[in-house]
N, C-alpha and C. Protein backbone atom coordinates (compact mmCIF):
# COMPACT_ATOMS: atom_id res chain seq x y z
N UNK A 1 -9.63 9.32 16.55
CA UNK A 1 -10.24 9.07 15.27
C UNK A 1 -9.24 9.43 14.18
N UNK A 2 -9.42 8.83 13.03
CA UNK A 2 -8.51 9.05 11.93
C UNK A 2 -9.29 9.34 10.66
N UNK A 3 -8.91 10.41 10.01
CA UNK A 3 -9.43 10.71 8.69
C UNK A 3 -8.25 10.68 7.75
N UNK A 4 -8.31 9.86 6.72
CA UNK A 4 -7.22 9.78 5.74
C UNK A 4 -7.66 10.53 4.50
N UNK A 5 -6.84 11.45 4.06
CA UNK A 5 -7.24 12.35 3.00
C UNK A 5 -6.45 12.07 1.73
N UNK A 6 -7.12 11.60 0.72
CA UNK A 6 -6.55 11.55 -0.62
C UNK A 6 -7.66 11.23 -1.60
N UNK A 7 -7.43 11.64 -2.80
CA UNK A 7 -8.35 11.31 -3.88
C UNK A 7 -7.53 10.52 -4.87
N UNK A 8 -7.90 9.28 -5.09
CA UNK A 8 -7.12 8.42 -5.97
C UNK A 8 -7.62 8.55 -7.40
N UNK A 9 -6.72 9.02 -8.26
CA UNK A 9 -7.02 9.13 -9.68
C UNK A 9 -5.77 8.77 -10.45
N UNK A 10 -5.95 8.24 -11.62
CA UNK A 10 -4.83 7.96 -12.51
C UNK A 10 -5.27 8.36 -13.91
N UNK A 11 -4.37 8.21 -14.87
CA UNK A 11 -4.71 8.52 -16.25
C UNK A 11 -5.82 7.61 -16.75
N UNK A 12 -5.92 6.41 -16.19
CA UNK A 12 -6.86 5.42 -16.69
C UNK A 12 -8.11 5.29 -15.82
N UNK A 13 -8.05 5.72 -14.58
CA UNK A 13 -9.08 5.29 -13.66
C UNK A 13 -9.28 6.31 -12.54
N UNK A 14 -10.50 6.50 -12.11
CA UNK A 14 -10.79 7.18 -10.85
C UNK A 14 -11.31 6.09 -9.92
N UNK A 15 -10.72 6.01 -8.75
CA UNK A 15 -11.03 4.91 -7.84
C UNK A 15 -12.23 5.25 -6.97
N UNK A 16 -13.07 4.28 -6.78
CA UNK A 16 -14.28 4.45 -5.99
C UNK A 16 -14.00 4.16 -4.52
N UNK A 17 -14.71 4.85 -3.63
CA UNK A 17 -14.59 4.54 -2.21
C UNK A 17 -15.01 3.09 -1.94
N UNK A 18 -14.44 2.54 -0.89
CA UNK A 18 -14.79 1.19 -0.47
C UNK A 18 -16.22 1.23 0.09
N UNK A 19 -17.11 0.34 -0.38
CA UNK A 19 -18.46 0.32 0.18
C UNK A 19 -18.41 0.04 1.69
N UNK A 20 -19.27 0.71 2.43
CA UNK A 20 -19.24 0.53 3.88
C UNK A 20 -20.39 -0.36 4.36
N UNK A 21 -20.74 -1.34 3.56
CA UNK A 21 -21.81 -2.26 3.93
C UNK A 21 -21.42 -3.14 5.13
N UNK A 22 -20.16 -3.56 5.17
CA UNK A 22 -19.69 -4.42 6.25
C UNK A 22 -18.81 -3.61 7.20
N UNK A 23 -18.82 -3.95 8.48
CA UNK A 23 -17.97 -3.25 9.44
C UNK A 23 -16.49 -3.34 9.03
N UNK A 24 -15.77 -2.24 9.19
CA UNK A 24 -14.37 -2.17 8.79
C UNK A 24 -13.54 -3.27 9.45
N UNK A 25 -13.81 -3.56 10.72
CA UNK A 25 -13.06 -4.59 11.45
C UNK A 25 -13.22 -5.95 10.77
N UNK A 26 -14.42 -6.27 10.31
CA UNK A 26 -14.67 -7.55 9.63
C UNK A 26 -13.98 -7.61 8.27
N UNK A 27 -14.02 -6.50 7.52
CA UNK A 27 -13.36 -6.46 6.20
C UNK A 27 -11.86 -6.68 6.37
N UNK A 28 -11.27 -5.99 7.33
CA UNK A 28 -9.83 -6.14 7.57
C UNK A 28 -9.49 -7.58 7.95
N UNK A 29 -10.30 -8.20 8.77
CA UNK A 29 -10.05 -9.59 9.18
C UNK A 29 -10.19 -10.52 7.98
N UNK A 30 -11.24 -10.37 7.19
CA UNK A 30 -11.48 -11.26 6.05
C UNK A 30 -10.44 -11.08 4.94
N UNK A 31 -10.10 -9.86 4.64
CA UNK A 31 -9.23 -9.58 3.49
C UNK A 31 -7.75 -9.68 3.85
N UNK A 32 -7.38 -9.17 5.02
CA UNK A 32 -5.96 -9.09 5.39
C UNK A 32 -5.58 -10.03 6.53
N UNK A 33 -6.54 -10.78 7.06
CA UNK A 33 -6.32 -11.71 8.17
C UNK A 33 -5.61 -11.03 9.33
N UNK A 34 -6.11 -9.86 9.69
CA UNK A 34 -5.51 -9.07 10.76
C UNK A 34 -6.61 -8.61 11.71
N UNK A 35 -6.38 -8.77 13.00
CA UNK A 35 -7.34 -8.33 14.00
C UNK A 35 -6.93 -6.94 14.49
N UNK A 36 -7.74 -5.95 14.12
CA UNK A 36 -7.51 -4.59 14.60
C UNK A 36 -8.75 -4.11 15.33
N UNK A 37 -8.54 -3.47 16.47
CA UNK A 37 -9.65 -2.97 17.26
C UNK A 37 -10.03 -1.58 16.74
N UNK A 38 -10.75 -1.59 15.61
CA UNK A 38 -11.19 -0.36 14.96
C UNK A 38 -12.66 -0.50 14.59
N UNK A 39 -13.30 0.63 14.44
CA UNK A 39 -14.65 0.65 13.87
C UNK A 39 -14.84 1.98 13.17
N UNK A 40 -16.06 2.25 12.73
CA UNK A 40 -16.33 3.47 11.98
C UNK A 40 -16.29 3.17 10.49
N UNK A 41 -15.90 4.17 9.72
CA UNK A 41 -15.84 4.04 8.27
C UNK A 41 -14.41 3.88 7.80
N UNK A 42 -14.17 4.30 6.56
CA UNK A 42 -12.84 4.17 5.96
C UNK A 42 -12.07 5.49 5.94
N UNK A 43 -12.59 6.51 6.62
CA UNK A 43 -11.84 7.76 6.76
C UNK A 43 -11.90 8.68 5.57
N UNK A 44 -12.95 8.61 4.78
CA UNK A 44 -13.04 9.48 3.61
C UNK A 44 -13.40 10.92 3.98
N UNK A 45 -14.22 11.09 5.01
CA UNK A 45 -14.63 12.42 5.44
C UNK A 45 -14.65 12.46 6.97
N UNK A 46 -14.91 13.64 7.49
CA UNK A 46 -15.01 13.80 8.94
C UNK A 46 -16.21 13.03 9.49
N UNK A 47 -17.21 12.78 8.66
CA UNK A 47 -18.38 12.01 9.08
C UNK A 47 -18.18 10.51 8.95
N UNK A 48 -17.02 10.09 8.42
CA UNK A 48 -16.74 8.68 8.13
C UNK A 48 -15.35 8.28 8.66
N UNK A 49 -15.01 8.68 9.90
CA UNK A 49 -13.65 8.41 10.37
C UNK A 49 -13.43 6.95 10.74
N UNK A 50 -12.16 6.56 10.72
CA UNK A 50 -11.76 5.28 11.29
C UNK A 50 -11.52 5.55 12.77
N UNK A 51 -12.16 4.78 13.62
CA UNK A 51 -12.01 4.98 15.06
C UNK A 51 -11.19 3.82 15.61
N UNK A 52 -10.05 4.15 16.19
CA UNK A 52 -9.15 3.13 16.73
C UNK A 52 -9.29 3.06 18.24
N UNK A 53 -9.38 1.82 18.72
CA UNK A 53 -9.46 1.58 20.16
C UNK A 53 -8.18 0.89 20.65
N UNK A 54 -7.26 0.63 19.74
CA UNK A 54 -6.06 -0.12 20.10
C UNK A 54 -5.03 0.79 20.76
N UNK A 55 -4.35 0.25 21.73
CA UNK A 55 -3.27 0.97 22.41
C UNK A 55 -1.94 0.23 22.23
N UNK A 56 -1.96 -0.89 21.52
CA UNK A 56 -0.75 -1.72 21.41
C UNK A 56 0.08 -1.40 20.17
N UNK A 57 -0.48 -0.68 19.21
CA UNK A 57 0.24 -0.32 17.98
C UNK A 57 0.46 1.18 17.99
N UNK A 58 1.70 1.63 17.76
CA UNK A 58 1.93 3.08 17.70
C UNK A 58 1.01 3.74 16.65
N UNK A 59 0.51 4.90 16.98
CA UNK A 59 -0.48 5.58 16.14
C UNK A 59 -0.02 5.74 14.70
N UNK A 60 1.19 6.22 14.48
CA UNK A 60 1.67 6.44 13.11
C UNK A 60 1.74 5.13 12.34
N UNK A 61 2.16 4.07 12.98
CA UNK A 61 2.22 2.75 12.34
C UNK A 61 0.82 2.26 11.98
N UNK A 62 -0.13 2.42 12.89
CA UNK A 62 -1.51 2.01 12.63
C UNK A 62 -2.10 2.82 11.47
N UNK A 63 -1.85 4.11 11.48
CA UNK A 63 -2.38 4.96 10.40
C UNK A 63 -1.83 4.53 9.05
N UNK A 64 -0.55 4.27 8.98
CA UNK A 64 0.06 3.84 7.71
C UNK A 64 -0.47 2.47 7.29
N UNK A 65 -0.65 1.57 8.24
CA UNK A 65 -1.19 0.24 7.94
C UNK A 65 -2.60 0.36 7.37
N UNK A 66 -3.45 1.15 8.01
CA UNK A 66 -4.82 1.32 7.53
C UNK A 66 -4.85 2.00 6.16
N UNK A 67 -4.00 2.98 5.96
CA UNK A 67 -3.94 3.66 4.66
C UNK A 67 -3.47 2.69 3.57
N UNK A 68 -2.51 1.83 3.89
CA UNK A 68 -2.04 0.82 2.92
C UNK A 68 -3.16 -0.15 2.57
N UNK A 69 -3.90 -0.59 3.59
CA UNK A 69 -5.02 -1.49 3.34
C UNK A 69 -6.04 -0.84 2.41
N UNK A 70 -6.37 0.41 2.71
CA UNK A 70 -7.37 1.11 1.91
C UNK A 70 -6.91 1.27 0.47
N UNK A 71 -5.66 1.66 0.26
CA UNK A 71 -5.18 1.84 -1.12
C UNK A 71 -5.14 0.51 -1.87
N UNK A 72 -4.74 -0.57 -1.21
CA UNK A 72 -4.72 -1.87 -1.89
C UNK A 72 -6.13 -2.33 -2.25
N UNK A 73 -7.10 -2.07 -1.38
CA UNK A 73 -8.48 -2.40 -1.70
C UNK A 73 -8.98 -1.57 -2.90
N UNK A 74 -8.72 -0.26 -2.87
CA UNK A 74 -9.23 0.63 -3.91
C UNK A 74 -8.51 0.44 -5.24
N UNK A 75 -7.20 0.27 -5.20
CA UNK A 75 -6.40 0.30 -6.42
C UNK A 75 -6.11 -1.07 -7.01
N UNK A 76 -6.32 -2.12 -6.25
CA UNK A 76 -5.98 -3.44 -6.75
C UNK A 76 -7.10 -4.45 -6.57
N UNK A 77 -7.44 -4.72 -5.35
CA UNK A 77 -8.34 -5.84 -5.04
C UNK A 77 -9.75 -5.68 -5.61
N UNK A 78 -10.22 -4.47 -5.79
CA UNK A 78 -11.58 -4.26 -6.28
C UNK A 78 -11.61 -3.87 -7.76
N UNK A 79 -10.46 -3.92 -8.42
CA UNK A 79 -10.37 -3.51 -9.82
C UNK A 79 -10.38 -4.71 -10.76
N UNK A 80 -10.84 -4.52 -12.00
CA UNK A 80 -10.68 -5.58 -13.01
C UNK A 80 -9.18 -5.83 -13.22
N UNK A 81 -8.82 -7.03 -13.62
CA UNK A 81 -7.41 -7.44 -13.73
C UNK A 81 -6.57 -6.43 -14.51
N UNK A 82 -7.08 -5.92 -15.61
CA UNK A 82 -6.28 -5.02 -16.46
C UNK A 82 -6.13 -3.61 -15.87
N UNK A 83 -6.86 -3.32 -14.80
CA UNK A 83 -6.78 -2.00 -14.17
C UNK A 83 -6.22 -2.05 -12.75
N UNK A 84 -5.63 -3.17 -12.36
CA UNK A 84 -5.07 -3.30 -11.02
C UNK A 84 -3.68 -2.67 -10.96
N UNK A 85 -3.40 -2.11 -9.80
CA UNK A 85 -2.11 -1.47 -9.58
C UNK A 85 -1.25 -2.29 -8.63
N UNK A 86 0.05 -2.23 -8.82
CA UNK A 86 1.02 -2.89 -7.97
C UNK A 86 2.10 -1.90 -7.57
N UNK A 87 3.01 -2.34 -6.73
CA UNK A 87 4.08 -1.45 -6.29
C UNK A 87 3.53 -0.21 -5.59
N UNK A 88 2.45 -0.39 -4.84
CA UNK A 88 1.77 0.74 -4.20
C UNK A 88 2.58 1.19 -2.99
N UNK A 89 2.90 2.49 -2.98
CA UNK A 89 3.66 3.08 -1.87
C UNK A 89 2.97 4.33 -1.38
N UNK A 90 3.03 4.54 -0.09
CA UNK A 90 2.43 5.72 0.52
C UNK A 90 3.51 6.52 1.24
N UNK A 91 3.42 7.84 1.10
CA UNK A 91 4.30 8.74 1.82
C UNK A 91 3.43 9.76 2.53
N UNK A 92 3.60 9.87 3.83
CA UNK A 92 2.83 10.85 4.59
C UNK A 92 3.30 12.24 4.22
N UNK A 93 2.37 13.10 3.81
CA UNK A 93 2.70 14.48 3.46
C UNK A 93 2.43 15.43 4.61
N UNK A 94 1.33 15.18 5.34
CA UNK A 94 1.01 16.06 6.46
C UNK A 94 0.06 15.37 7.43
N UNK A 95 0.04 15.91 8.63
CA UNK A 95 -0.90 15.41 9.63
C UNK A 95 -1.39 16.61 10.45
N UNK A 96 -2.70 16.71 10.56
CA UNK A 96 -3.32 17.75 11.39
C UNK A 96 -4.10 17.06 12.49
N UNK A 97 -3.94 17.53 13.72
CA UNK A 97 -4.70 16.98 14.84
C UNK A 97 -5.58 18.07 15.39
N UNK A 98 -6.88 17.76 15.44
CA UNK A 98 -7.85 18.73 15.97
C UNK A 98 -8.98 17.95 16.62
N UNK A 99 -9.33 18.32 17.83
CA UNK A 99 -10.43 17.67 18.55
C UNK A 99 -10.26 16.16 18.62
N UNK A 100 -9.06 15.72 18.96
CA UNK A 100 -8.76 14.28 19.11
C UNK A 100 -8.92 13.49 17.81
N UNK A 101 -8.83 14.18 16.67
CA UNK A 101 -8.94 13.55 15.36
C UNK A 101 -7.71 13.89 14.54
N UNK A 102 -7.09 12.87 13.95
CA UNK A 102 -5.96 13.08 13.06
C UNK A 102 -6.44 13.07 11.62
N UNK A 103 -6.06 14.09 10.88
CA UNK A 103 -6.30 14.11 9.44
C UNK A 103 -4.94 13.95 8.78
N UNK A 104 -4.74 12.80 8.14
CA UNK A 104 -3.45 12.48 7.54
C UNK A 104 -3.59 12.52 6.02
N UNK A 105 -2.66 13.21 5.37
CA UNK A 105 -2.65 13.29 3.92
C UNK A 105 -1.44 12.52 3.41
N UNK A 106 -1.68 11.62 2.45
CA UNK A 106 -0.63 10.78 1.87
C UNK A 106 -0.49 11.05 0.39
N UNK A 107 0.73 10.89 -0.10
CA UNK A 107 0.97 10.81 -1.55
C UNK A 107 1.04 9.32 -1.85
N UNK A 108 0.29 8.89 -2.85
CA UNK A 108 0.24 7.48 -3.22
C UNK A 108 0.86 7.34 -4.60
N UNK A 109 1.84 6.44 -4.71
CA UNK A 109 2.43 6.15 -6.02
C UNK A 109 2.24 4.66 -6.31
N UNK A 110 2.08 4.36 -7.59
CA UNK A 110 1.86 2.97 -8.00
C UNK A 110 2.00 2.89 -9.51
N UNK A 111 2.01 1.68 -10.02
CA UNK A 111 1.97 1.47 -11.47
C UNK A 111 1.06 0.29 -11.75
N UNK A 112 0.53 0.26 -12.97
CA UNK A 112 -0.33 -0.85 -13.32
C UNK A 112 0.40 -2.16 -13.05
N UNK A 113 -0.32 -3.17 -12.56
CA UNK A 113 0.30 -4.46 -12.25
C UNK A 113 1.05 -5.04 -13.44
N UNK A 114 0.50 -4.90 -14.64
CA UNK A 114 1.18 -5.44 -15.83
C UNK A 114 2.52 -4.73 -16.04
N UNK A 115 2.55 -3.41 -15.88
CA UNK A 115 3.81 -2.66 -16.00
C UNK A 115 4.78 -3.05 -14.88
N UNK A 116 4.24 -3.22 -13.68
CA UNK A 116 5.06 -3.60 -12.53
C UNK A 116 5.68 -4.98 -12.76
N UNK A 117 4.90 -5.93 -13.25
CA UNK A 117 5.40 -7.28 -13.53
C UNK A 117 6.51 -7.22 -14.59
N UNK A 118 6.32 -6.42 -15.64
CA UNK A 118 7.35 -6.26 -16.66
C UNK A 118 8.62 -5.62 -16.08
N UNK A 119 8.44 -4.64 -15.22
CA UNK A 119 9.56 -3.98 -14.57
C UNK A 119 10.37 -4.97 -13.73
N UNK A 120 9.69 -5.78 -12.92
CA UNK A 120 10.36 -6.77 -12.07
C UNK A 120 11.06 -7.82 -12.92
N UNK A 121 10.41 -8.27 -13.98
CA UNK A 121 11.02 -9.28 -14.88
C UNK A 121 12.29 -8.71 -15.51
N UNK A 122 12.25 -7.47 -15.96
CA UNK A 122 13.44 -6.84 -16.56
C UNK A 122 14.54 -6.70 -15.53
N UNK A 123 14.18 -6.32 -14.31
CA UNK A 123 15.17 -6.19 -13.24
C UNK A 123 15.84 -7.53 -12.95
N UNK A 124 15.04 -8.58 -12.86
CA UNK A 124 15.60 -9.92 -12.59
C UNK A 124 16.49 -10.37 -13.74
N UNK A 125 16.04 -10.12 -14.96
CA UNK A 125 16.82 -10.50 -16.14
C UNK A 125 18.18 -9.78 -16.13
N UNK A 126 18.16 -8.47 -15.87
CA UNK A 126 19.39 -7.70 -15.82
C UNK A 126 20.30 -8.18 -14.70
N UNK A 127 19.73 -8.49 -13.55
CA UNK A 127 20.51 -8.97 -12.41
C UNK A 127 21.16 -10.31 -12.73
N UNK A 128 20.41 -11.21 -13.37
CA UNK A 128 20.96 -12.52 -13.74
C UNK A 128 22.08 -12.36 -14.76
N UNK A 129 21.90 -11.45 -15.72
CA UNK A 129 22.94 -11.23 -16.73
C UNK A 129 24.20 -10.68 -16.07
N UNK A 130 24.05 -9.72 -15.17
CA UNK A 130 25.21 -9.17 -14.46
C UNK A 130 25.91 -10.25 -13.65
N UNK A 131 25.14 -11.11 -13.01
CA UNK A 131 25.70 -12.20 -12.22
C UNK A 131 26.52 -13.13 -13.11
N UNK A 132 25.98 -13.47 -14.27
CA UNK A 132 26.71 -14.34 -15.20
C UNK A 132 27.99 -13.69 -15.69
N UNK A 133 27.94 -12.40 -15.98
CA UNK A 133 29.15 -11.68 -16.43
C UNK A 133 30.19 -11.69 -15.33
N UNK A 134 29.81 -11.38 -14.11
CA UNK A 134 30.77 -11.36 -13.00
C UNK A 134 31.29 -12.77 -12.71
N UNK A 135 30.46 -13.75 -12.83
CA UNK A 135 30.90 -15.13 -12.60
C UNK A 135 31.97 -15.51 -13.63
N UNK A 136 31.79 -15.08 -14.87
CA UNK A 136 32.76 -15.36 -15.93
C UNK A 136 34.06 -14.58 -15.71
N UNK A 137 33.95 -13.32 -15.30
CA UNK A 137 35.13 -12.47 -15.09
C UNK A 137 35.92 -12.92 -13.87
N UNK A 138 35.23 -13.30 -12.83
CA UNK A 138 35.89 -13.64 -11.57
C UNK A 138 36.11 -15.14 -11.45
N UNK A 139 36.75 -15.70 -12.46
CA UNK A 139 37.07 -17.13 -12.41
C UNK A 139 38.12 -17.38 -11.34
N UNK A 140 38.09 -18.55 -10.74
CA UNK A 140 39.14 -18.87 -9.77
C UNK A 140 40.51 -18.88 -10.47
N UNK A 141 41.49 -18.37 -9.78
CA UNK A 141 42.83 -18.29 -10.34
C UNK A 141 43.66 -19.45 -9.79
N UNK A 142 44.43 -20.12 -10.68
CA UNK A 142 45.29 -21.19 -10.22
C UNK A 142 46.48 -20.60 -9.49
N UNK A 143 46.82 -21.24 -8.42
CA UNK A 143 47.97 -20.81 -7.65
C UNK A 143 49.19 -21.51 -8.20
N UNK A 144 50.23 -20.76 -8.42
CA UNK A 144 51.52 -21.33 -8.87
C UNK A 144 52.42 -21.48 -7.67
N UNK A 145 53.13 -22.63 -7.61
CA UNK A 145 54.05 -22.86 -6.49
C UNK A 145 55.45 -22.75 -6.97
């Protein structure tokens, strides 16, 4: 079983847990087009663990995949457009195993999608400008015979 531990908050928003009306396996299939042999909840508490039956994916990889899915659902897919986050990254901070249950704690970093889009546009603009400068500086040299 897996319990993922984090409380998602930002300066603008406190994120709500994913409703557990539909089975987790169905949500993952519908939203991410991925077949995972899991059931249970979304891992918010010990009473709501994600239960994995898969043996084909390494445990750490599966845990990170599920945590990424959960953060994208909470921070982006279920938010109004102006409150969606992009550039979402997770870093495992700790893992405790007790009674065949892993409790994994992640640090989640992200920025508003609008800020992320501006950041990427500025990066591309700077990269294109540098490319043009280097293209101008590194002109082909004529060979003298």
